[in-house]
PDB file of N, CA and C in Angstrom:
ATOM      1  N   MET A   1      58.292 -37.062 104.176  1.00  0.00           N
ATOM      2  CA  MET A   1      59.163 -37.466 103.094  1.00  0.00           C
ATOM      3  C   MET A   1      58.789 -36.693 101.838  1.00  0.00           C
ATOM      4  N   GLN A   2      59.788 -36.251 101.130  1.00  0.00           N
ATOM      5  CA  GLN A   2      59.555 -35.568  99.864  1.00  0.00           C
ATOM      6  C   GLN A   2      59.068 -36.571  98.820  1.00  0.00           C
ATOM      7  N   ILE A   3      58.091 -36.170  98.048  1.00  0.00           N
ATOM      8  CA  ILE A   3      57.494 -37.088  97.083  1.00  0.00           C
ATOM      9  C   ILE A   3      58.495 -37.537  96.016  1.00  0.00           C
ATOM     10  N   LEU A   4      59.419 -36.668  95.621  1.00  0.00           N
ATOM     11  CA  LEU A   4      60.412 -37.079  94.620  1.00  0.00           C
ATOM     12  C   LEU A   4      61.372 -38.121  95.191  1.00  0.00           C
ATOM     13  N   SER A   5      61.677 -38.058  96.467  1.00  0.00           N
ATOM     14  CA  SER A   5      62.512 -39.097  97.085  1.00  0.00           C
ATOM     15  C   SER A   5      61.817 -40.449  96.990  1.00  0.00           C
ATOM     16  N   LEU A   6      60.525 -40.466  97.271  1.00  0.00           N
ATOM     17  CA  LEU A   6      59.765 -41.704  97.163  1.00  0.00           C
ATOM     18  C   LEU A   6      59.677 -42.155  95.702  1.00  0.00           C
ATOM     19  N   ALA A   7      59.525 -41.229  94.781  1.00  0.00           N
ATOM     20  CA  ALA A   7      59.486 -41.569  93.356  1.00  0.00           C
ATOM     21  C   ALA A   7      60.790 -42.241  92.931  1.00  0.00           C
ATOM     22  N   TYR A   8      61.913 -41.696  93.360  1.00  0.00           N
ATOM     23  CA  TYR A   8      63.211 -42.295  93.020  1.00  0.00           C
ATOM     24  C   TYR A   8      63.352 -43.686  93.637  1.00  0.00           C
ATOM     25  N   TYR A   9      62.849 -43.853  94.838  1.00  0.00           N
ATOM     26  CA  TYR A   9      62.881 -45.170  95.484  1.00  0.00           C
ATOM     27  C   TYR A   9      62.107 -46.190  94.630  1.00  0.00           C
ATOM     28  N   ILE A  10      60.943 -45.801  94.175  1.00  0.00           N
ATOM     29  CA  ILE A  10      60.134 -46.687  93.330  1.00  0.00           C
ATOM     30  C   ILE A  10      60.884 -47.012  92.039  1.00  0.00           C
ATOM     31  N   LEU A  11      61.431 -46.002  91.390  1.00  0.00           N
ATOM     32  CA  LEU A  11      62.127 -46.210  90.118  1.00  0.00           C
ATOM     33  C   LEU A  11      63.365 -47.088  90.278  1.00  0.00           C
ATOM     34  N   ASN A  12      64.015 -47.005  91.416  1.00  0.00           N
ATOM     35  CA  ASN A  12      65.208 -47.814  91.647  1.00  0.00           C
ATOM     36  C   ASN A  12      64.898 -49.250  92.052  1.00  0.00           C
ATOM     37  N   ASN A  13      63.641 -49.528  92.421  1.00  0.00           N
ATOM     38  CA  ASN A  13      63.311 -50.853  92.930  1.00  0.00           C
ATOM     39  C   ASN A  13      62.281 -51.619  92.103  1.00  0.00           C
ATOM     40  N   PHE A  14      61.696 -50.967  91.115  1.00  0.00           N
ATOM     41  CA  PHE A  14      60.695 -51.645  90.287  1.00  0.00           C
ATOM     42  C   PHE A  14      60.974 -51.357  88.826  1.00  0.00           C
ATOM     43  N   LYS A  15      60.750 -52.347  87.994  1.00  0.00           N
ATOM     44  CA  LYS A  15      60.998 -52.215  86.555  1.00  0.00           C
ATOM     45  C   LYS A  15      59.708 -51.793  85.847  1.00  0.00           C
ATOM     46  N   ASP A  16      59.879 -51.286  84.638  1.00  0.00           N
ATOM     47  CA  ASP A  16      58.742 -50.940  83.780  1.00  0.00           C
ATOM     48  C   ASP A  16      57.762 -49.972  84.438  1.00  0.00           C
ATOM     49  N   VAL A  17      58.276 -48.889  84.951  1.00  0.00           N
ATOM     50  CA  VAL A  17      57.432 -47.876  85.579  1.00  0.00           C
ATOM     51  C   VAL A  17      57.348 -46.667  84.647  1.00  0.00           C
ATOM     52  N   SER A  18      56.161 -46.442  84.128  1.00  0.00           N
ATOM     53  CA  SER A  18      55.904 -45.263  83.298  1.00  0.00           C
ATOM     54  C   SER A  18      55.535 -44.100  84.216  1.00  0.00           C
ATOM     55  N   PRO A  19      55.511 -42.879  83.687  1.00  0.00           N
ATOM     56  CA  PRO A  19      55.080 -41.760  84.516  1.00  0.00           C
ATOM     57  C   PRO A  19      53.685 -41.954  85.120  1.00  0.00           C
ATOM     58  N   MET A  20      52.762 -42.509  84.337  1.00  0.00           N
ATOM     59  CA  MET A  20      51.408 -42.716  84.850  1.00  0.00           C
ATOM     60  C   MET A  20      51.400 -43.758  85.970  1.00  0.00           C
ATOM     61  N   LYS A  21      52.131 -44.840  85.792  1.00  0.00           N
ATOM     62  CA  LYS A  21      52.191 -45.865  86.832  1.00  0.00           C
ATOM     63  C   LYS A  21      52.848 -45.295  88.088  1.00  0.00           C
ATOM     64  N   LEU A  22      53.881 -44.510  87.917  1.00  0.00           N
ATOM     65  CA  LEU A  22      54.552 -43.896  89.053  1.00  0.00           C
ATOM     66  C   LEU A  22      53.572 -43.032  89.847  1.00  0.00           C
ATOM     67  N   GLN A  23      52.768 -42.244  89.149  1.00  0.00           N
ATOM     68  CA  GLN A  23      51.780 -41.399  89.817  1.00  0.00           C
ATOM     69  C   GLN A  23      50.816 -42.233  90.659  1.00  0.00           C
ATOM     70  N   LYS A  24      50.351 -43.330  90.097  1.00  0.00           N
ATOM     71  CA  LYS A  24      49.368 -44.147  90.802  1.00  0.00           C
ATOM     72  C   LYS A  24      49.997 -44.848  92.007  1.00  0.00           C
ATOM     73  N   LEU A  25      51.237 -45.312  91.867  1.00  0.00           N
ATOM     74  CA  LEU A  25      51.915 -45.941  93.007  1.00  0.00           C
ATOM     75  C   LEU A  25      52.123 -44.928  94.132  1.00  0.00           C
ATOM     76  N   LEU A  26      52.520 -43.729  93.782  1.00  0.00           N
ATOM     77  CA  LEU A  26      52.690 -42.683  94.787  1.00  0.00           C
ATOM     78  C   LEU A  26      51.364 -42.360  95.468  1.00  0.00           C
ATOM     79  N   TYR A  27      50.317 -42.300  94.681  1.00  0.00           N
ATOM     80  CA  TYR A  27      48.989 -42.029  95.238  1.00  0.00           C
ATOM     81  C   TYR A  27      48.596 -43.111  96.245  1.00  0.00           C
ATOM     82  N   TYR A  28      48.820 -44.371  95.890  1.00  0.00           N
ATOM     83  CA  TYR A  28      48.438 -45.446  96.806  1.00  0.00           C
ATOM     84  C   TYR A  28      49.278 -45.440  98.071  1.00  0.00           C
ATOM     85  N   VAL A  29      50.543 -45.073  97.970  1.00  0.00           N
ATOM     86  CA  VAL A  29      51.344 -44.933  99.188  1.00  0.00           C
ATOM     87  C   VAL A  29      50.742 -43.834 100.064  1.00  0.00           C
ATOM     88  N   LYS A  30      50.393 -42.715  99.455  1.00  0.00           N
ATOM     89  CA  LYS A  30      49.799 -41.620 100.236  1.00  0.00           C
ATOM     90  C   LYS A  30      48.470 -42.053 100.851  1.00  0.00           C
ATOM     91  N   ALA A  31      47.596 -42.631 100.042  1.00  0.00           N
ATOM     92  CA  ALA A  31      46.259 -42.992 100.517  1.00  0.00           C
ATOM     93  C   ALA A  31      46.316 -44.012 101.659  1.00  0.00           C
ATOM     94  N   TRP A  32      47.069 -45.077 101.462  1.00  0.00           N
ATOM     95  CA  TRP A  32      47.110 -46.120 102.494  1.00  0.00           C
ATOM     96  C   TRP A  32      47.884 -45.688 103.726  1.00  0.00           C
ATOM     97  N   SER A  33      48.877 -44.845 103.552  1.00  0.00           N
ATOM     98  CA  SER A  33      49.582 -44.364 104.746  1.00  0.00           C
ATOM     99  C   SER A  33      48.677 -43.424 105.551  1.00  0.00           C
ATOM    100  N   MET A  34      47.794 -42.708 104.872  1.00  0.00           N
ATOM    101  CA  MET A  34      46.825 -41.877 105.588  1.00  0.00           C
ATOM    102  C   MET A  34      45.822 -42.743 106.337  1.00  0.00           C
ATOM    103  N   VAL A  35      45.362 -43.803 105.701  1.00  0.00           N
ATOM    104  CA  VAL A  35      44.434 -44.722 106.353  1.00  0.00           C
ATOM    105  C   VAL A  35      45.091 -45.323 107.597  1.00  0.00           C
ATOM    106  N   GLY A  36      46.368 -45.690 107.473  1.00  0.00           N
ATOM    107  CA  GLY A  36      47.095 -46.267 108.595  1.00  0.00           C
ATOM    108  C   GLY A  36      47.641 -45.246 109.572  1.00  0.00           C
ATOM    109  N   LYS A  37      47.319 -43.976 109.336  1.00  0.00           N
ATOM    110  CA  LYS A  37      47.784 -42.884 110.203  1.00  0.00           C
ATOM    111  C   LYS A  37      49.308 -42.838 110.328  1.00  0.00           C
ATOM    112  N   ILE A  38      49.967 -43.114 109.193  1.00  0.00           N
ATOM    113  CA  ILE A  38      51.419 -43.014 109.092  1.00  0.00           C
ATOM    114  C   ILE A  38      51.695 -42.005 107.978  1.00  0.00           C
ATOM    115  N   PRO A  39      51.728 -40.725 108.286  1.00  0.00           N
ATOM    116  CA  PRO A  39      51.883 -39.723 107.227  1.00  0.00           C
ATOM    117  C   PRO A  39      53.252 -39.816 106.553  1.00  0.00           C
ATOM    118  N   ILE A  40      53.266 -40.325 105.342  1.00  0.00           N
ATOM    119  CA  ILE A  40      54.510 -40.517 104.593  1.00  0.00           C
ATOM    120  C   ILE A  40      54.644 -39.458 103.507  1.00  0.00           C
ATOM    121  N   VAL A  41      53.598 -39.253 102.735  1.00  0.00           N
ATOM    122  CA  VAL A  41      53.605 -38.294 101.636  1.00  0.00           C
ATOM    123  C   VAL A  41      52.668 -37.149 102.006  1.00  0.00           C
ATOM    124  N   HIS A  42      53.182 -35.939 101.968  1.00  0.00           N
ATOM    125  CA  HIS A  42      52.367 -34.780 102.350  1.00  0.00           C
ATOM    126  C   HIS A  42      51.920 -33.956 101.146  1.00  0.00           C
ATOM    127  N   GLU A  43      52.602 -34.095 100.026  1.00  0.00           N
ATOM    128  CA  GLU A  43      52.274 -33.286  98.851  1.00  0.00           C
ATOM    129  C   GLU A  43      50.896 -33.684  98.296  1.00  0.00           C
ATOM    130  N   PRO A  44      50.185 -32.705  97.721  1.00  0.00           N
ATOM    131  CA  PRO A  44      48.834 -32.955  97.229  1.00  0.00           C
ATOM    132  C   PRO A  44      48.807 -33.638  95.859  1.00  0.00           C
ATOM    133  N   PHE A  45      47.690 -34.262  95.593  1.00  0.00           N
ATOM    134  CA  PHE A  45      47.393 -34.837  94.280  1.00  0.00           C
ATOM    135  C   PHE A  45      46.192 -34.106  93.716  1.00  0.00           C
ATOM    136  N   GLN A  46      46.172 -33.981  92.387  1.00  0.00           N
ATOM    137  CA  GLN A  46      45.056 -33.350  91.699  1.00  0.00           C
ATOM    138  C   GLN A  46      44.244 -34.429  90.993  1.00  0.00           C
ATOM    139  N   LYS A  47      42.984 -34.145  90.767  1.00  0.00           N
ATOM    140  CA  LYS A  47      42.101 -35.071  90.061  1.00  0.00           C
ATOM    141  C   LYS A  47      42.194 -34.799  88.562  1.00  0.00           C
ATOM    142  N   TRP A  48      42.896 -35.679  87.861  1.00  0.00           N
ATOM    143  CA  TRP A  48      43.037 -35.580  86.412  1.00  0.00           C
ATOM    144  C   TRP A  48      42.212 -36.682  85.751  1.00  0.00           C
ATOM    145  N   GLN A  49      42.102 -36.613  84.436  1.00  0.00           N
ATOM    146  CA  GLN A  49      41.275 -37.563  83.686  1.00  0.00           C
ATOM    147  C   GLN A  49      41.634 -39.017  83.975  1.00  0.00           C
ATOM    148  N   TYR A  50      42.923 -39.330  84.084  1.00  0.00           N
ATOM    149  CA  TYR A  50      43.338 -40.724  84.276  1.00  0.00           C
ATOM    150  C   TYR A  50      43.714 -41.027  85.713  1.00  0.00           C
ATOM    151  N   GLY A  51      43.182 -40.249  86.628  1.00  0.00           N
ATOM    152  CA  GLY A  51      43.409 -40.524  88.036  1.00  0.00           C
ATOM    153  C   GLY A  51      44.243 -39.447  88.708  1.00  0.00           C
ATOM    154  N   PRO A  52      44.615 -39.701  89.965  1.00  0.00           N
ATOM    155  CA  PRO A  52      45.340 -38.701  90.742  1.00  0.00           C
ATOM    156  C   PRO A  52      46.744 -38.443  90.214  1.00  0.00           C
ATOM    157  N   VAL A  53      47.136 -37.164  90.243  1.00  0.00           N
ATOM    158  CA  VAL A  53      48.449 -36.751  89.740  1.00  0.00           C
ATOM    159  C   VAL A  53      49.043 -35.719  90.684  1.00  0.00           C
ATOM    160  N   ASN A  54      50.301 -35.918  91.008  1.00  0.00           N
ATOM    161  CA  ASN A  54      51.056 -34.906  91.743  1.00  0.00           C
ATOM    162  C   ASN A  54      51.800 -34.076  90.709  1.00  0.00           C
ATOM    163  N   ASP A  55      51.606 -32.765  90.733  1.00  0.00           N
ATOM    164  CA  ASP A  55      52.168 -31.909  89.689  1.00  0.00           C
ATOM    165  C   ASP A  55      53.689 -31.907  89.685  1.00  0.00           C
ATOM    166  N   GLU A  56      54.324 -31.936  90.845  1.00  0.00           N
ATOM    167  CA  GLU A  56      55.789 -31.933  90.903  1.00  0.00           C
ATOM    168  C   GLU A  56      56.371 -33.165  90.195  1.00  0.00           C
ATOM    169  N   VAL A  57      55.784 -34.314  90.446  1.00  0.00           N
ATOM    170  CA  VAL A  57      56.246 -35.555  89.799  1.00  0.00           C
ATOM    171  C   VAL A  57      55.914 -35.505  88.310  1.00  0.00           C
ATOM    172  N   TYR A  58      54.745 -34.989  87.975  1.00  0.00           N
ATOM    173  CA  TYR A  58      54.377 -34.866  86.568  1.00  0.00           C
ATOM    174  C   TYR A  58      55.405 -34.028  85.806  1.00  0.00           C
ATOM    175  N   GLN A  59      55.735 -32.876  86.353  1.00  0.00           N
ATOM    176  CA  GLN A  59      56.691 -31.984  85.685  1.00  0.00           C
ATOM    177  C   GLN A  59      58.057 -32.655  85.528  1.00  0.00           C
ATOM    178  N   LYS A  60      58.469 -33.423  86.512  1.00  0.00           N
ATOM    179  CA  LYS A  60      59.787 -34.060  86.489  1.00  0.00           C
ATOM    180  C   LYS A  60      59.885 -35.149  85.413  1.00  0.00           C
ATOM    181  N   PHE A  61      58.804 -35.900  85.180  1.00  0.00           N
ATOM    182  CA  PHE A  61      58.877 -37.069  84.300  1.00  0.00           C
ATOM    183  C   PHE A  61      57.985 -37.007  83.063  1.00  0.00           C
ATOM    184  N   LYS A  62      57.350 -35.874  82.798  1.00  0.00           N
ATOM    185  CA  LYS A  62      56.440 -35.783  81.650  1.00  0.00           C
ATOM    186  C   LYS A  62      57.153 -36.011  80.319  1.00  0.00           C
ATOM    187  N   HIS A  63      58.442 -35.752  80.265  1.00  0.00           N
ATOM    188  CA  HIS A  63      59.195 -35.946  79.023  1.00  0.00           C
ATOM    189  C   HIS A  63      59.232 -37.418  78.593  1.00  0.00           C
ATOM    190  N   CYS A  64      58.911 -38.329  79.495  1.00  0.00           N
ATOM    191  CA  CYS A  64      58.914 -39.764  79.159  1.00  0.00           C
ATOM    192  C   CYS A  64      57.618 -40.204  78.480  1.00  0.00           C
ATOM    193  N   GLY A  65      56.623 -39.354  78.479  1.00  0.00           N
ATOM    194  CA  GLY A  65      55.354 -39.708  77.848  1.00  0.00           C
ATOM    195  C   GLY A  65      54.719 -40.904  78.521  1.00  0.00           C
ATOM    196  N   SER A  66      54.359 -41.899  77.723  1.00  0.00           N
ATOM    197  CA  SER A  66      53.683 -43.073  78.272  1.00  0.00           C
ATOM    198  C   SER A  66      54.593 -44.297  78.328  1.00  0.00           C
ATOM    199  N   VAL A  67      55.884 -44.101  78.117  1.00  0.00           N
ATOM    200  CA  VAL A  67      56.804 -45.245  78.144  1.00  0.00           C
ATOM    201  C   VAL A  67      57.544 -45.314  79.477  1.00  0.00           C
ATOM    202  N   LYS A  68      58.192 -46.426  79.689  1.00  0.00           N
ATOM    203  CA  LYS A  68      58.957 -46.648  80.909  1.00  0.00           C
ATOM    204  C   LYS A  68      59.977 -45.527  81.113  1.00  0.00           C
ATOM    205  N   ILE A  69      60.105 -45.090  82.334  1.00  0.00           N
ATOM    206  CA  ILE A  69      61.129 -44.096  82.669  1.00  0.00           C
ATOM    207  C   ILE A  69      62.470 -44.813  82.543  1.00  0.00           C
ATOM    208  N   PRO A  70      63.340 -44.390  81.612  1.00  0.00           N
ATOM    209  CA  PRO A  70      64.452 -45.220  81.146  1.00  0.00           C
ATOM    210  C   PRO A  70      65.760 -45.179  81.929  1.00  0.00           C
ATOM    211  N   TYR A  71      65.772 -44.682  83.126  1.00  0.00           N
ATOM    212  CA  TYR A  71      67.044 -44.610  83.829  1.00  0.00           C
ATOM    213  C   TYR A  71      66.823 -44.747  85.327  1.00  0.00           C
ATOM    214  N   SER A  72      67.888 -45.095  86.003  1.00  0.00           N
ATOM    215  CA  SER A  72      67.789 -45.168  87.458  1.00  0.00           C
ATOM    216  C   SER A  72      68.245 -43.846  88.052  1.00  0.00           C
ATOM    217  N   HIS A  73      67.896 -43.636  89.272  1.00  0.00           N
ATOM    218  CA  HIS A  73      68.168 -42.376  89.944  1.00  0.00           C
ATOM    219  C   HIS A  73      68.911 -42.660  91.239  1.00  0.00           C
ATOM    220  N   PRO A  74      70.143 -42.260  91.342  1.00  0.00           N
ATOM    221  CA  PRO A  74      70.920 -42.562  92.537  1.00  0.00           C
ATOM    222  C   PRO A  74      70.591 -41.639  93.716  1.00  0.00           C
ATOM    223  N   GLN A  75      69.326 -41.465  93.963  1.00  0.00           N
ATOM    224  CA  GLN A  75      68.907 -40.607  95.066  1.00  0.00           C
ATOM    225  C   GLN A  75      68.819 -41.430  96.349  1.00  0.00           C
ATOM    226  N   PRO A  76      69.225 -40.865  97.459  1.00  0.00           N
ATOM    227  CA  PRO A  76      69.137 -41.601  98.720  1.00  0.00           C
ATOM    228  C   PRO A  76      67.694 -41.727  99.182  1.00  0.00           C
ATOM    229  N   PHE A  77      67.417 -42.824  99.821  1.00  0.00           N
ATOM    230  CA  PHE A  77      66.103 -43.040 100.425  1.00  0.00           C
ATOM    231  C   PHE A  77      66.256 -42.713 101.894  1.00  0.00           C
ATOM    232  N   LEU A  78      65.473 -41.812 102.407  1.00  0.00           N
ATOM    233  CA  LEU A  78      65.728 -41.204 103.693  1.00  0.00           C
ATOM    234  C   LEU A  78      65.049 -41.880 104.882  1.00  0.00           C
ATOM    235  N   LEU A  79      64.764 -43.161 104.806  1.00  0.00           N
ATOM    236  CA  LEU A  79      64.167 -43.868 105.929  1.00  0.00           C
ATOM    237  C   LEU A  79      65.091 -44.997 106.380  1.00  0.00           C
ATOM    238  N   GLU A  80      65.024 -45.302 107.651  1.00  0.00           N
ATOM    239  CA  GLU A  80      65.812 -46.406 108.193  1.00  0.00           C
ATOM    240  C   GLU A  80      65.361 -47.712 107.552  1.00  0.00           C
ATOM    241  N   PRO A  81      66.299 -48.648 107.330  1.00  0.00           N
ATOM    242  CA  PRO A  81      65.985 -49.899 106.623  1.00  0.00           C
ATOM    243  C   PRO A  81      64.807 -50.689 107.189  1.00  0.00           C
ATOM    244  N   GLU A  82      64.649 -50.774 108.475  1.00  0.00           N
ATOM    245  CA  GLU A  82      63.547 -51.565 109.041  1.00  0.00           C
ATOM    246  C   GLU A  82      62.516 -50.702 109.763  1.00  0.00           C
ATOM    247  N   SER A  83      62.392 -49.453 109.373  1.00  0.00           N
ATOM    248  CA  SER A  83      61.425 -48.574 110.022  1.00  0.00           C
ATOM    249  C   SER A  83      59.999 -48.963 109.629  1.00  0.00           C
ATOM    250  N   HIS A  84      59.069 -48.554 110.462  1.00  0.00           N
ATOM    251  CA  HIS A  84      57.657 -48.829 110.192  1.00  0.00           C
ATOM    252  C   HIS A  84      57.222 -48.164 108.888  1.00  0.00           C
ATOM    253  N   GLU A  85      57.714 -46.959 108.641  1.00  0.00           N
ATOM    254  CA  GLU A  85      57.353 -46.243 107.419  1.00  0.00           C
ATOM    255  C   GLU A  85      57.848 -46.982 106.175  1.00  0.00           C
ATOM    256  N   LYS A  86      59.103 -47.423 106.205  1.00  0.00           N
ATOM    257  CA  LYS A  86      59.652 -48.140 105.050  1.00  0.00           C
ATOM    258  C   LYS A  86      58.930 -49.463 104.834  1.00  0.00           C
ATOM    259  N   ASN A  87      58.655 -50.168 105.908  1.00  0.00           N
ATOM    260  CA  ASN A  87      57.924 -51.434 105.782  1.00  0.00           C
ATOM    261  C   ASN A  87      56.536 -51.204 105.200  1.00  0.00           C
ATOM    262  N   THR A  88      55.898 -50.107 105.597  1.00  0.00           N
ATOM    263  CA  THR A  88      54.581 -49.769 105.054  1.00  0.00           C
ATOM    264  C   THR A  88      54.677 -49.462 103.565  1.00  0.00           C
ATOM    265  N   ILE A  89      55.653 -48.649 103.190  1.00  0.00           N
ATOM    266  CA  ILE A  89      55.865 -48.319 101.771  1.00  0.00           C
ATOM    267  C   ILE A  89      56.101 -49.585 100.963  1.00  0.00           C
ATOM    268  N   ASP A  90      56.995 -50.435 101.438  1.00  0.00           N
ATOM    269  CA  ASP A  90      57.308 -51.665 100.710  1.00  0.00           C
ATOM    270  C   ASP A  90      56.090 -52.570 100.566  1.00  0.00           C
ATOM    271  N   PHE A  91      55.294 -52.677 101.618  1.00  0.00           N
ATOM    272  CA  PHE A  91      54.092 -53.508 101.553  1.00  0.00           C
ATOM    273  C   PHE A  91      53.111 -52.974 100.514  1.00  0.00           C
ATOM    274  N   ILE A  92      52.868 -51.667 100.537  1.00  0.00           N
ATOM    275  CA  ILE A  92      51.937 -51.056  99.584  1.00  0.00           C
ATOM    276  C   ILE A  92      52.433 -51.249  98.150  1.00  0.00           C
ATOM    277  N   LEU A  93      53.724 -51.015  97.936  1.00  0.00           N
ATOM    278  CA  LEU A  93      54.275 -51.168  96.585  1.00  0.00           C
ATOM    279  C   LEU A  93      54.235 -52.613  96.116  1.00  0.00           C
ATOM    280  N   GLU A  94      54.503 -53.553  97.000  1.00  0.00           N
ATOM    281  CA  GLU A  94      54.427 -54.974  96.617  1.00  0.00           C
ATOM    282  C   GLU A  94      53.009 -55.337  96.163  1.00  0.00           C
ATOM    283  N   CYS A  95      52.019 -54.717  96.772  1.00  0.00           N
ATOM    284  CA  CYS A  95      50.625 -54.997  96.412  1.00  0.00           C
ATOM    285  C   CYS A  95      50.234 -54.392  95.065  1.00  0.00           C
ATOM    286  N   TYR A  96      50.720 -53.196  94.779  1.00  0.00           N
ATOM    287  CA  TYR A  96      50.253 -52.456  93.605  1.00  0.00           C
ATOM    288  C   TYR A  96      51.212 -52.463  92.413  1.00  0.00           C
ATOM    289  N   ALA A  97      52.487 -52.654  92.630  1.00  0.00           N
ATOM    290  CA  ALA A  97      53.460 -52.606  91.528  1.00  0.00           C
ATOM    291  C   ALA A  97      53.217 -53.648  90.434  1.00  0.00           C
ATOM    292  N   PRO A  98      52.677 -54.833  90.742  1.00  0.00           N
ATOM    293  CA  PRO A  98      52.442 -55.797  89.654  1.00  0.00           C
ATOM    294  C   PRO A  98      51.422 -55.344  88.603  1.00  0.00           C
ATOM    295  N   PHE A  99      50.583 -54.361  88.929  1.00  0.00           N
ATOM    296  CA  PHE A  99      49.569 -53.893  87.989  1.00  0.00           C
ATOM    297  C   PHE A  99      50.160 -52.892  87.002  1.00  0.00           C
ATOM    298  N   ASP A 100      49.629 -52.876  85.781  1.00  0.00           N
ATOM    299  CA  ASP A 100      50.090 -51.890  84.805  1.00  0.00           C
ATOM    300  C   ASP A 100      49.399 -50.545  85.060  1.00  0.00           C
ATOM    301  N   ALA A 101      49.854 -49.524  84.368  1.00  0.00           N
ATOM    302  CA  ALA A 101      49.376 -48.161  84.592  1.00  0.00           C
ATOM    303  C   ALA A 101      47.874 -48.021  84.345  1.00  0.00           C
ATOM    304  N   ILE A 102      47.367 -48.641  83.290  1.00  0.00           N
ATOM    305  CA  ILE A 102      45.941 -48.523  82.960  1.00  0.00           C
ATOM    306  C   ILE A 102      45.082 -49.178  84.026  1.00  0.00           C
ATOM    307  N   THR A 103      45.502 -50.330  84.512  1.00  0.00           N
ATOM    308  CA  THR A 103      44.757 -51.012  85.575  1.00  0.00           C
ATOM    309  C   THR A 103      44.762 -50.170  86.842  1.00  0.00           C
ATOM    310  N   LEU A 104      45.925 -49.624  87.194  1.00  0.00           N
ATOM    311  CA  LEU A 104      46.005 -48.776  88.380  1.00  0.00           C
ATOM    312  C   LEU A 104      45.117 -47.544  88.228  1.00  0.00           C
ATOM    313  N   SER A 105      45.112 -46.951  87.054  1.00  0.00           N
ATOM    314  CA  SER A 105      44.265 -45.792  86.798  1.00  0.00           C
ATOM    315  C   SER A 105      42.799 -46.154  86.996  1.00  0.00           C
ATOM    316  N   SER A 106      42.401 -47.285  86.442  1.00  0.00           N
ATOM    317  CA  SER A 106      41.020 -47.746  86.586  1.00  0.00           C
ATOM    318  C   SER A 106      40.677 -47.991  88.058  1.00  0.00           C
ATOM    319  N   MET A 107      41.621 -48.548  88.792  1.00  0.00           N
ATOM    320  CA  MET A 107      41.395 -48.811  90.215  1.00  0.00           C
ATOM    321  C   MET A 107      41.192 -47.508  90.987  1.00  0.00           C
ATOM    322  N   THR A 108      41.963 -46.486  90.657  1.00  0.00           N
ATOM    323  CA  THR A 108      41.827 -45.225  91.390  1.00  0.00           C
ATOM    324  C   THR A 108      40.455 -44.597  91.164  1.00  0.00           C
ATOM    325  N   HIS A 109      39.871 -44.836  90.002  1.00  0.00           N
ATOM    326  CA  HIS A 109      38.557 -44.267  89.709  1.00  0.00           C
ATOM    327  C   HIS A 109      37.456 -44.902  90.555  1.00  0.00           C
ATOM    328  N   LYS A 110      37.725 -46.040  91.138  1.00  0.00           N
ATOM    329  CA  LYS A 110      36.740 -46.725  91.981  1.00  0.00           C
ATOM    330  C   LYS A 110      36.887 -46.349  93.449  1.00  0.00           C
ATOM    331  N   ASP A 111      37.953 -45.643  93.800  1.00  0.00           N
ATOM    332  CA  ASP A 111      38.228 -45.279  95.183  1.00  0.00           C
ATOM    333  C   ASP A 111      37.374 -44.096  95.613  1.00  0.00           C
ATOM    334  N   VAL A 112      36.990 -44.078  96.879  1.00  0.00           N
ATOM    335  CA  VAL A 112      36.173 -43.007  97.428  1.00  0.00           C
ATOM    336  C   VAL A 112      36.821 -41.628  97.275  1.00  0.00           C
ATOM    337  N   PRO A 113      38.144 -41.472  97.563  1.00  0.00           N
ATOM    338  CA  PRO A 113      38.717 -40.129  97.381  1.00  0.00           C
ATOM    339  C   PRO A 113      38.562 -39.585  95.964  1.00  0.00           C
ATOM    340  N   TRP A 114      38.657 -40.452  94.962  1.00  0.00           N
ATOM    341  CA  TRP A 114      38.484 -40.015  93.585  1.00  0.00           C
ATOM    342  C   TRP A 114      37.044 -39.584  93.340  1.00  0.00           C
ATOM    343  N   LYS A 115      36.114 -40.365  93.840  1.00  0.00           N
ATOM    344  CA  LYS A 115      34.695 -40.074  93.626  1.00  0.00           C
ATOM    345  C   LYS A 115      34.267 -38.777  94.305  1.00  0.00           C
ATOM    346  N   LYS A 116      34.879 -38.459  95.440  1.00  0.00           N
ATOM    347  CA  LYS A 116      34.523 -37.239  96.164  1.00  0.00           C
ATOM    348  C   LYS A 116      35.328 -36.078  95.653  1.00  0.00           C
TER     349      LYS A 116
END
C-alpha cells in the first residue's frame, strides 16, 4: 500500500490530526504490521528529533505546520472492507489515534527501533 493512501485514510477517519500525529500513526501502522508479518507500509521512515518521519508524507503536509490538517481527502482506500490488512490498520489506529502528537512522539522514543 502506498503510504499517502494510508495517510488519506487516516485523515478521512480521524479528527484533529496534525502532520506530526499523522507521521506517528503511520509509523505505528508500519511497525505493528511488521511485527504481525502483514507488510502494509513499505516506505522508509527516518529518525528525526521528534520521532520517525516519512519524507514523502512530510513534504505533502509540511505546509500545515503543527496544526490540524484542515481538509479531507477524497482518495480511495485500496483494501477490501473486511480484509485482514484493513482490520489490522483499524485496530492499530484505534489504539493510537486517541493520543496527541507529543505523546505519540514521546512513545516512539521509547521503542526499540528508535533506540537502534
